N, C-alpha and C. Protein backbone atom coordinates (compact mmCIF):
# COMPACT_ATOMS: atom_id res chain seq x y z
N MET A 1 -17.92 -3.16 -25.50
CA MET A 1 -18.19 -2.03 -24.64
C MET A 1 -16.88 -1.48 -24.06
N GLU A 2 -16.02 -2.34 -23.58
CA GLU A 2 -14.78 -1.90 -22.97
C GLU A 2 -13.81 -1.28 -23.97
N LYS A 3 -14.08 -1.45 -25.28
CA LYS A 3 -13.24 -0.85 -26.31
C LYS A 3 -13.77 0.52 -26.74
N SER A 4 -14.86 0.95 -26.13
CA SER A 4 -15.47 2.23 -26.52
C SER A 4 -14.60 3.41 -26.11
N ALA A 5 -14.85 4.54 -26.75
CA ALA A 5 -14.13 5.77 -26.43
C ALA A 5 -14.35 6.16 -24.97
N PHE A 6 -15.55 5.95 -24.45
CA PHE A 6 -15.85 6.28 -23.06
C PHE A 6 -14.92 5.53 -22.11
N PHE A 7 -14.78 4.23 -22.32
CA PHE A 7 -13.93 3.41 -21.45
C PHE A 7 -12.47 3.84 -21.55
N LYS A 8 -12.03 4.09 -22.75
CA LYS A 8 -10.63 4.49 -22.96
C LYS A 8 -10.35 5.86 -22.37
N TRP A 9 -11.18 6.84 -22.67
CA TRP A 9 -10.94 8.21 -22.24
C TRP A 9 -10.91 8.34 -20.72
N PHE A 10 -11.84 7.67 -20.04
CA PHE A 10 -11.92 7.78 -18.59
C PHE A 10 -11.17 6.67 -17.86
N GLY A 11 -10.48 5.81 -18.61
CA GLY A 11 -9.66 4.77 -18.00
C GLY A 11 -10.48 3.85 -17.12
N MET A 12 -11.65 3.46 -17.60
CA MET A 12 -12.52 2.60 -16.80
C MET A 12 -11.90 1.21 -16.67
N THR A 13 -11.80 0.75 -15.42
CA THR A 13 -11.21 -0.56 -15.15
C THR A 13 -12.20 -1.40 -14.36
N PRO A 14 -12.13 -2.72 -14.51
CA PRO A 14 -13.05 -3.59 -13.77
C PRO A 14 -12.94 -3.37 -12.26
N ALA A 15 -14.10 -3.38 -11.60
CA ALA A 15 -14.15 -3.19 -10.15
C ALA A 15 -15.11 -4.18 -9.53
N GLY A 16 -15.25 -5.34 -10.14
CA GLY A 16 -16.19 -6.34 -9.66
C GLY A 16 -16.98 -6.89 -10.82
N ASP A 17 -17.93 -7.75 -10.51
CA ASP A 17 -18.76 -8.37 -11.54
C ASP A 17 -19.65 -7.31 -12.19
N SER A 18 -19.41 -7.01 -13.45
CA SER A 18 -20.19 -6.04 -14.24
C SER A 18 -20.12 -4.62 -13.68
N LEU A 19 -19.02 -4.29 -13.01
CA LEU A 19 -18.79 -2.94 -12.48
C LEU A 19 -17.46 -2.41 -12.97
N TRP A 20 -17.41 -1.10 -13.26
CA TRP A 20 -16.17 -0.45 -13.68
C TRP A 20 -16.06 0.87 -12.96
N ARG A 21 -14.81 1.27 -12.70
CA ARG A 21 -14.51 2.56 -12.10
C ARG A 21 -13.34 3.18 -12.84
N PRO A 22 -13.21 4.53 -12.77
CA PRO A 22 -12.05 5.16 -13.41
C PRO A 22 -10.76 4.70 -12.72
N LYS A 23 -9.71 4.59 -13.51
CA LYS A 23 -8.42 4.18 -12.98
C LYS A 23 -7.83 5.28 -12.08
N GLY A 24 -8.09 6.54 -12.42
CA GLY A 24 -7.54 7.67 -11.67
C GLY A 24 -7.99 7.68 -10.22
N GLU A 25 -7.04 7.78 -9.32
CA GLU A 25 -7.31 7.73 -7.88
C GLU A 25 -8.29 8.82 -7.44
N ALA A 26 -8.19 10.01 -8.04
CA ALA A 26 -9.04 11.14 -7.62
C ALA A 26 -10.53 10.87 -7.82
N PHE A 27 -10.88 10.05 -8.81
CA PHE A 27 -12.29 9.83 -9.14
C PHE A 27 -12.77 8.41 -8.88
N ARG A 28 -11.86 7.52 -8.54
CA ARG A 28 -12.19 6.11 -8.40
C ARG A 28 -13.35 5.84 -7.44
N ASP A 29 -13.37 6.53 -6.30
CA ASP A 29 -14.42 6.29 -5.32
C ASP A 29 -15.69 7.08 -5.60
N GLN A 30 -15.64 7.94 -6.61
CA GLN A 30 -16.79 8.81 -6.86
C GLN A 30 -17.63 8.40 -8.07
N VAL A 31 -17.10 7.53 -8.91
CA VAL A 31 -17.78 7.15 -10.16
C VAL A 31 -17.83 5.64 -10.27
N VAL A 32 -19.00 5.12 -10.63
CA VAL A 32 -19.12 3.68 -10.91
C VAL A 32 -20.06 3.49 -12.10
N LEU A 33 -19.69 2.56 -12.95
CA LEU A 33 -20.52 2.17 -14.09
C LEU A 33 -20.91 0.71 -13.90
N ALA A 34 -22.20 0.43 -13.97
CA ALA A 34 -22.69 -0.94 -13.81
C ALA A 34 -23.43 -1.36 -15.06
N ALA A 35 -23.30 -2.64 -15.42
CA ALA A 35 -23.98 -3.18 -16.59
C ALA A 35 -24.85 -4.36 -16.16
N GLU A 36 -25.98 -4.49 -16.82
CA GLU A 36 -26.88 -5.63 -16.60
C GLU A 36 -27.16 -6.27 -17.96
N THR A 37 -27.33 -7.57 -17.95
CA THR A 37 -27.66 -8.27 -19.18
C THR A 37 -29.03 -8.93 -19.04
N ASP A 38 -29.64 -9.23 -20.18
CA ASP A 38 -30.93 -9.90 -20.16
C ASP A 38 -30.72 -11.42 -20.10
N ALA A 39 -31.79 -12.17 -20.17
CA ALA A 39 -31.72 -13.63 -20.07
C ALA A 39 -30.89 -14.25 -21.18
N ASP A 40 -30.77 -13.55 -22.31
CA ASP A 40 -29.98 -14.06 -23.44
C ASP A 40 -28.53 -13.58 -23.40
N GLY A 41 -28.16 -12.88 -22.32
CA GLY A 41 -26.79 -12.40 -22.19
C GLY A 41 -26.48 -11.12 -22.94
N ARG A 42 -27.51 -10.46 -23.47
CA ARG A 42 -27.31 -9.19 -24.17
C ARG A 42 -27.36 -8.02 -23.19
N LEU A 43 -26.53 -7.04 -23.43
CA LEU A 43 -26.52 -5.84 -22.60
C LEU A 43 -27.90 -5.20 -22.61
N SER A 44 -28.48 -4.97 -21.43
CA SER A 44 -29.81 -4.39 -21.38
C SER A 44 -29.87 -3.08 -20.60
N VAL A 45 -28.98 -2.89 -19.63
CA VAL A 45 -29.00 -1.68 -18.81
C VAL A 45 -27.56 -1.26 -18.51
N LEU A 46 -27.30 0.04 -18.66
CA LEU A 46 -26.05 0.65 -18.20
C LEU A 46 -26.44 1.74 -17.21
N THR A 47 -25.78 1.74 -16.05
CA THR A 47 -26.06 2.74 -15.03
C THR A 47 -24.76 3.42 -14.63
N LEU A 48 -24.72 4.72 -14.79
CA LEU A 48 -23.59 5.54 -14.35
C LEU A 48 -24.02 6.24 -13.08
N SER A 49 -23.21 6.10 -12.04
CA SER A 49 -23.50 6.74 -10.77
C SER A 49 -22.28 7.55 -10.34
N LEU A 50 -22.50 8.82 -10.03
CA LEU A 50 -21.38 9.61 -9.55
C LEU A 50 -21.79 10.49 -8.38
N ALA A 51 -20.83 10.71 -7.49
CA ALA A 51 -21.06 11.53 -6.31
C ALA A 51 -21.43 12.93 -6.73
N ARG A 52 -22.39 13.53 -6.04
CA ARG A 52 -22.79 14.90 -6.33
C ARG A 52 -21.60 15.85 -6.26
N ALA A 53 -20.61 15.54 -5.42
CA ALA A 53 -19.42 16.38 -5.32
C ALA A 53 -18.73 16.55 -6.67
N MET A 54 -18.83 15.53 -7.52
CA MET A 54 -18.22 15.61 -8.85
C MET A 54 -18.89 16.69 -9.71
N LEU A 55 -20.09 17.08 -9.35
CA LEU A 55 -20.82 18.08 -10.11
C LEU A 55 -20.95 19.40 -9.35
N ASP A 56 -20.89 19.34 -8.03
CA ASP A 56 -21.14 20.52 -7.22
C ASP A 56 -19.89 21.29 -6.83
N GLU A 57 -18.78 20.61 -6.66
CA GLU A 57 -17.54 21.28 -6.25
C GLU A 57 -16.84 21.86 -7.47
N PRO A 58 -16.55 23.16 -7.44
CA PRO A 58 -15.99 23.83 -8.63
C PRO A 58 -14.74 23.16 -9.20
N ARG A 59 -13.86 22.63 -8.36
CA ARG A 59 -12.63 22.00 -8.88
C ARG A 59 -12.90 20.70 -9.61
N GLN A 60 -14.03 20.07 -9.35
CA GLN A 60 -14.34 18.77 -9.96
C GLN A 60 -15.45 18.84 -11.00
N ALA A 61 -16.19 19.93 -11.01
CA ALA A 61 -17.41 20.01 -11.82
C ALA A 61 -17.17 19.74 -13.31
N MET A 62 -16.08 20.26 -13.86
CA MET A 62 -15.83 20.04 -15.29
C MET A 62 -15.63 18.55 -15.57
N PHE A 63 -14.95 17.85 -14.68
CA PHE A 63 -14.73 16.42 -14.88
C PHE A 63 -16.04 15.64 -14.75
N GLY A 64 -16.84 15.97 -13.75
CA GLY A 64 -18.12 15.30 -13.57
C GLY A 64 -19.05 15.51 -14.75
N ARG A 65 -19.10 16.75 -15.23
CA ARG A 65 -19.97 17.05 -16.36
C ARG A 65 -19.46 16.35 -17.63
N ASP A 66 -18.14 16.25 -17.77
CA ASP A 66 -17.57 15.55 -18.93
C ASP A 66 -17.95 14.07 -18.92
N ILE A 67 -17.93 13.45 -17.76
CA ILE A 67 -18.30 12.03 -17.66
C ILE A 67 -19.77 11.84 -18.04
N VAL A 68 -20.65 12.67 -17.50
CA VAL A 68 -22.08 12.56 -17.82
C VAL A 68 -22.31 12.82 -19.31
N LYS A 69 -21.70 13.87 -19.83
CA LYS A 69 -21.83 14.21 -21.26
C LYS A 69 -21.39 13.04 -22.13
N SER A 70 -20.23 12.49 -21.83
CA SER A 70 -19.67 11.41 -22.64
C SER A 70 -20.52 10.14 -22.55
N PHE A 71 -21.05 9.85 -21.38
CA PHE A 71 -21.94 8.69 -21.22
C PHE A 71 -23.18 8.88 -22.09
N LEU A 72 -23.80 10.05 -22.02
CA LEU A 72 -24.99 10.31 -22.82
C LEU A 72 -24.69 10.22 -24.31
N GLU A 73 -23.56 10.79 -24.74
CA GLU A 73 -23.18 10.71 -26.15
C GLU A 73 -23.01 9.26 -26.58
N GLY A 74 -22.46 8.44 -25.72
CA GLY A 74 -22.24 7.04 -26.05
C GLY A 74 -23.51 6.24 -26.22
N ILE A 75 -24.56 6.62 -25.52
CA ILE A 75 -25.82 5.86 -25.63
C ILE A 75 -26.84 6.54 -26.54
N ALA A 76 -26.59 7.78 -26.92
CA ALA A 76 -27.58 8.55 -27.69
C ALA A 76 -27.67 8.13 -29.15
N GLY A 77 -26.61 7.52 -29.67
CA GLY A 77 -26.61 7.23 -31.09
C GLY A 77 -26.72 8.53 -31.85
N ARG A 78 -27.68 8.61 -32.75
CA ARG A 78 -27.85 9.82 -33.56
C ARG A 78 -28.95 10.73 -33.02
N ASP A 79 -29.48 10.43 -31.84
CA ASP A 79 -30.58 11.22 -31.31
C ASP A 79 -30.14 12.66 -31.05
N ARG A 80 -30.71 13.57 -31.79
CA ARG A 80 -30.33 14.99 -31.73
C ARG A 80 -30.61 15.60 -30.36
N HIS A 81 -31.73 15.25 -29.73
CA HIS A 81 -32.11 15.85 -28.46
C HIS A 81 -31.13 15.46 -27.34
N ILE A 82 -30.73 14.21 -27.31
CA ILE A 82 -29.79 13.78 -26.27
C ILE A 82 -28.41 14.36 -26.55
N ARG A 83 -28.02 14.47 -27.79
CA ARG A 83 -26.74 15.10 -28.13
C ARG A 83 -26.75 16.58 -27.72
N GLN A 84 -27.88 17.25 -27.90
CA GLN A 84 -28.00 18.65 -27.46
C GLN A 84 -27.91 18.75 -25.94
N LEU A 85 -28.55 17.82 -25.24
CA LEU A 85 -28.45 17.81 -23.78
C LEU A 85 -27.01 17.59 -23.35
N ALA A 86 -26.32 16.66 -23.99
CA ALA A 86 -24.91 16.40 -23.64
C ALA A 86 -24.08 17.66 -23.84
N ALA A 87 -24.30 18.37 -24.94
CA ALA A 87 -23.57 19.62 -25.19
C ALA A 87 -23.91 20.67 -24.14
N GLU A 88 -25.17 20.74 -23.76
CA GLU A 88 -25.58 21.71 -22.74
C GLU A 88 -24.92 21.40 -21.40
N ILE A 89 -24.89 20.13 -21.02
CA ILE A 89 -24.28 19.73 -19.76
C ILE A 89 -22.82 20.15 -19.71
N PHE A 90 -22.13 19.99 -20.81
CA PHE A 90 -20.70 20.29 -20.83
C PHE A 90 -20.41 21.78 -21.02
N ASN A 91 -21.22 22.46 -21.82
CA ASN A 91 -20.89 23.83 -22.23
C ASN A 91 -21.55 24.94 -21.44
N ARG A 92 -22.65 24.65 -20.76
CA ARG A 92 -23.32 25.72 -20.01
C ARG A 92 -22.50 26.02 -18.77
N ALA A 93 -22.32 27.29 -18.51
CA ALA A 93 -21.59 27.70 -17.31
C ALA A 93 -22.37 27.23 -16.08
N PRO A 94 -21.73 27.17 -14.93
CA PRO A 94 -22.49 26.81 -13.72
C PRO A 94 -23.74 27.66 -13.63
N PRO A 95 -24.80 27.10 -13.07
CA PRO A 95 -26.09 27.78 -13.11
C PRO A 95 -26.07 29.12 -12.41
N VAL A 96 -26.07 30.15 -13.21
CA VAL A 96 -26.19 31.52 -12.71
C VAL A 96 -27.24 32.19 -13.58
N PRO A 97 -27.95 33.14 -13.05
CA PRO A 97 -28.97 33.81 -13.87
C PRO A 97 -28.32 34.47 -15.10
N VAL A 98 -28.93 34.28 -16.25
CA VAL A 98 -28.45 34.93 -17.47
C VAL A 98 -29.20 36.25 -17.58
N LEU A 99 -28.48 37.34 -17.35
CA LEU A 99 -29.11 38.65 -17.40
C LEU A 99 -29.01 39.27 -18.78
N ARG A 100 -27.86 39.09 -19.41
CA ARG A 100 -27.63 39.65 -20.75
C ARG A 100 -26.83 38.64 -21.55
N GLY A 101 -26.87 38.83 -22.85
CA GLY A 101 -26.02 38.01 -23.69
C GLY A 101 -26.69 36.71 -24.10
N GLN A 102 -25.91 35.93 -24.80
CA GLN A 102 -26.40 34.69 -25.36
C GLN A 102 -25.79 33.49 -24.64
N ALA A 103 -26.51 32.40 -24.63
CA ALA A 103 -25.96 31.15 -24.14
C ALA A 103 -24.91 30.68 -25.15
N PRO A 104 -23.94 29.86 -24.73
CA PRO A 104 -22.95 29.33 -25.70
C PRO A 104 -23.65 28.65 -26.86
N GLN A 105 -22.98 28.61 -28.01
CA GLN A 105 -23.55 28.00 -29.20
C GLN A 105 -23.98 26.57 -28.93
N GLY A 106 -25.18 26.22 -29.40
CA GLY A 106 -25.71 24.88 -29.22
C GLY A 106 -26.37 24.65 -27.87
N VAL A 107 -26.41 25.67 -27.03
CA VAL A 107 -26.99 25.56 -25.70
C VAL A 107 -28.25 26.42 -25.66
N PRO A 108 -29.38 25.84 -25.23
CA PRO A 108 -30.61 26.64 -25.19
C PRO A 108 -30.48 27.80 -24.19
N GLN A 109 -31.16 28.89 -24.46
CA GLN A 109 -31.11 30.06 -23.59
C GLN A 109 -31.60 29.70 -22.18
N THR A 110 -32.68 28.94 -22.12
CA THR A 110 -33.23 28.50 -20.83
C THR A 110 -32.71 27.10 -20.52
N PRO A 111 -32.18 26.87 -19.32
CA PRO A 111 -31.68 25.53 -18.99
C PRO A 111 -32.77 24.47 -19.12
N SER A 112 -32.40 23.33 -19.69
CA SER A 112 -33.36 22.23 -19.86
C SER A 112 -33.55 21.48 -18.54
N ALA A 113 -34.62 20.70 -18.47
CA ALA A 113 -34.89 19.89 -17.28
C ALA A 113 -33.77 18.87 -17.07
N GLY A 114 -33.22 18.31 -18.15
CA GLY A 114 -32.12 17.37 -18.01
C GLY A 114 -30.90 18.02 -17.39
N PHE A 115 -30.57 19.22 -17.86
CA PHE A 115 -29.44 19.97 -17.29
C PHE A 115 -29.68 20.28 -15.82
N LEU A 116 -30.88 20.74 -15.49
CA LEU A 116 -31.20 21.08 -14.10
C LEU A 116 -31.12 19.86 -13.20
N THR A 117 -31.43 18.68 -13.73
CA THR A 117 -31.29 17.45 -12.95
C THR A 117 -29.82 17.16 -12.69
N VAL A 118 -28.99 17.28 -13.71
CA VAL A 118 -27.55 17.07 -13.53
C VAL A 118 -27.00 18.04 -12.48
N MET A 119 -27.49 19.26 -12.49
CA MET A 119 -27.00 20.27 -11.56
C MET A 119 -27.61 20.14 -10.17
N GLY A 120 -28.52 19.18 -9.98
CA GLY A 120 -29.10 18.94 -8.67
C GLY A 120 -30.27 19.83 -8.33
N GLU A 121 -30.77 20.59 -9.31
CA GLU A 121 -31.89 21.49 -9.06
C GLU A 121 -33.25 20.82 -9.27
N LEU A 122 -33.28 19.71 -9.99
CA LEU A 122 -34.49 18.89 -10.14
C LEU A 122 -34.16 17.49 -9.65
N GLN A 123 -35.16 16.79 -9.17
CA GLN A 123 -34.96 15.44 -8.65
C GLN A 123 -34.74 14.41 -9.75
N ALA A 124 -35.51 14.53 -10.86
CA ALA A 124 -35.44 13.48 -11.88
C ALA A 124 -35.80 14.03 -13.25
N TRP A 125 -35.34 13.31 -14.26
CA TRP A 125 -35.61 13.62 -15.66
C TRP A 125 -35.53 12.30 -16.43
N SER A 126 -36.31 12.19 -17.50
CA SER A 126 -36.21 10.99 -18.34
C SER A 126 -36.57 11.32 -19.78
N ALA A 127 -36.15 10.43 -20.67
CA ALA A 127 -36.45 10.57 -22.10
C ALA A 127 -36.62 9.19 -22.70
N GLU A 128 -37.47 9.10 -23.69
CA GLU A 128 -37.71 7.86 -24.43
C GLU A 128 -37.15 8.02 -25.83
N LEU A 129 -36.15 7.25 -26.17
CA LEU A 129 -35.63 7.21 -27.53
C LEU A 129 -36.26 6.02 -28.22
N SER A 130 -35.96 5.83 -29.48
CA SER A 130 -36.59 4.73 -30.22
C SER A 130 -36.23 3.37 -29.62
N ARG A 131 -35.01 3.20 -29.15
CA ARG A 131 -34.61 1.88 -28.63
C ARG A 131 -34.09 1.91 -27.20
N VAL A 132 -34.04 3.10 -26.58
CA VAL A 132 -33.47 3.24 -25.24
C VAL A 132 -34.30 4.19 -24.40
N ARG A 133 -34.46 3.86 -23.11
CA ARG A 133 -35.02 4.79 -22.13
C ARG A 133 -33.84 5.34 -21.33
N ILE A 134 -33.80 6.64 -21.15
CA ILE A 134 -32.74 7.27 -20.36
C ILE A 134 -33.40 7.98 -19.19
N GLY A 135 -32.87 7.77 -18.01
CA GLY A 135 -33.38 8.45 -16.83
C GLY A 135 -32.24 8.95 -15.97
N MET A 136 -32.44 10.08 -15.34
CA MET A 136 -31.47 10.62 -14.39
C MET A 136 -32.21 10.95 -13.10
N THR A 137 -31.61 10.57 -11.97
CA THR A 137 -32.19 10.91 -10.67
C THR A 137 -31.08 11.34 -9.73
N ASN A 138 -31.44 12.20 -8.80
CA ASN A 138 -30.56 12.56 -7.70
C ASN A 138 -31.00 11.73 -6.51
N ASP A 139 -30.10 10.90 -6.02
CA ASP A 139 -30.46 9.91 -5.02
C ASP A 139 -29.34 9.76 -4.00
N GLY A 140 -29.58 10.18 -2.78
CA GLY A 140 -28.63 9.96 -1.70
C GLY A 140 -27.24 10.52 -1.95
N GLY A 141 -27.15 11.74 -2.44
CA GLY A 141 -25.85 12.35 -2.68
C GLY A 141 -25.17 11.90 -3.96
N ARG A 142 -25.93 11.26 -4.85
CA ARG A 142 -25.37 10.79 -6.11
C ARG A 142 -26.31 11.15 -7.26
N LEU A 143 -25.73 11.39 -8.43
CA LEU A 143 -26.50 11.47 -9.66
C LEU A 143 -26.43 10.10 -10.30
N VAL A 144 -27.57 9.53 -10.61
CA VAL A 144 -27.65 8.22 -11.24
C VAL A 144 -28.25 8.39 -12.63
N VAL A 145 -27.50 7.96 -13.65
CA VAL A 145 -27.94 8.04 -15.04
C VAL A 145 -28.11 6.61 -15.53
N ARG A 146 -29.32 6.27 -15.94
CA ARG A 146 -29.64 4.89 -16.32
C ARG A 146 -30.12 4.86 -17.77
N ALA A 147 -29.53 3.97 -18.55
CA ALA A 147 -29.95 3.75 -19.93
C ALA A 147 -30.41 2.31 -20.04
N GLU A 148 -31.65 2.13 -20.41
CA GLU A 148 -32.25 0.79 -20.49
C GLU A 148 -32.74 0.52 -21.91
N ARG A 149 -32.25 -0.57 -22.47
CA ARG A 149 -32.68 -0.96 -23.82
C ARG A 149 -34.14 -1.39 -23.78
N LYS A 150 -34.93 -0.84 -24.69
CA LYS A 150 -36.34 -1.21 -24.77
C LYS A 150 -36.46 -2.58 -25.42
N PRO A 151 -37.46 -3.36 -25.01
CA PRO A 151 -37.68 -4.64 -25.69
C PRO A 151 -38.08 -4.41 -27.14
N LEU A 152 -37.60 -5.28 -27.99
CA LEU A 152 -37.99 -5.21 -29.40
C LEU A 152 -39.41 -5.73 -29.54
N ARG A 153 -40.18 -5.13 -30.43
CA ARG A 153 -41.58 -5.52 -30.62
C ARG A 153 -41.86 -5.75 -32.11
N GLY A 154 -42.87 -6.53 -32.37
CA GLY A 154 -43.36 -6.73 -33.72
C GLY A 154 -42.29 -7.23 -34.67
N PHE A 155 -42.20 -6.57 -35.81
CA PHE A 155 -41.26 -6.96 -36.86
C PHE A 155 -39.82 -6.99 -36.36
N LEU A 156 -39.42 -5.97 -35.56
CA LEU A 156 -38.05 -5.94 -35.06
C LEU A 156 -37.76 -7.13 -34.14
N ALA A 157 -38.72 -7.52 -33.35
CA ALA A 157 -38.52 -8.69 -32.48
C ALA A 157 -38.31 -9.95 -33.30
N ARG A 158 -39.09 -10.08 -34.38
CA ARG A 158 -38.94 -11.28 -35.23
C ARG A 158 -37.61 -11.21 -35.97
N LEU A 159 -37.21 -10.03 -36.39
CA LEU A 159 -35.98 -9.88 -37.16
C LEU A 159 -34.72 -10.05 -36.30
N PHE A 160 -34.72 -9.43 -35.11
CA PHE A 160 -33.51 -9.42 -34.28
C PHE A 160 -33.62 -10.27 -33.04
N GLY A 161 -34.80 -10.74 -32.70
CA GLY A 161 -35.02 -11.44 -31.43
C GLY A 161 -34.46 -12.82 -31.36
């Protein structure tokens, strides 16, 4: 996990037991990544938490959106819908009414519920992928993005369990 592009790009450094923060002083107190393992020691939950200021303040918004986008891309695998959401989060201009023209390429004309949650306009959003549940909530001045590995069932449980 620590060798991933996400960790390298954002300079994530250990900040306690199963906690990481960006090395950069400007974002260190605003972003935290937490990991949980199951009884067998396998990674089961990753939670990214960032201050709403990282998304709401114009000087920081691009950085905050980049962190959320990159986190989603890292857990999405090949899921097209989550990759589209990640692109929308990064590429859609700050939420202003679209009166004329087209949304940027790859971005839906109407903002998605996931995007509106990142922007603080909705309280929560979630999605079920084949092997991961992803949820986002606005909680106490923070956006919390949680990715939880689903338990393996049936044949997959016997094969990989």
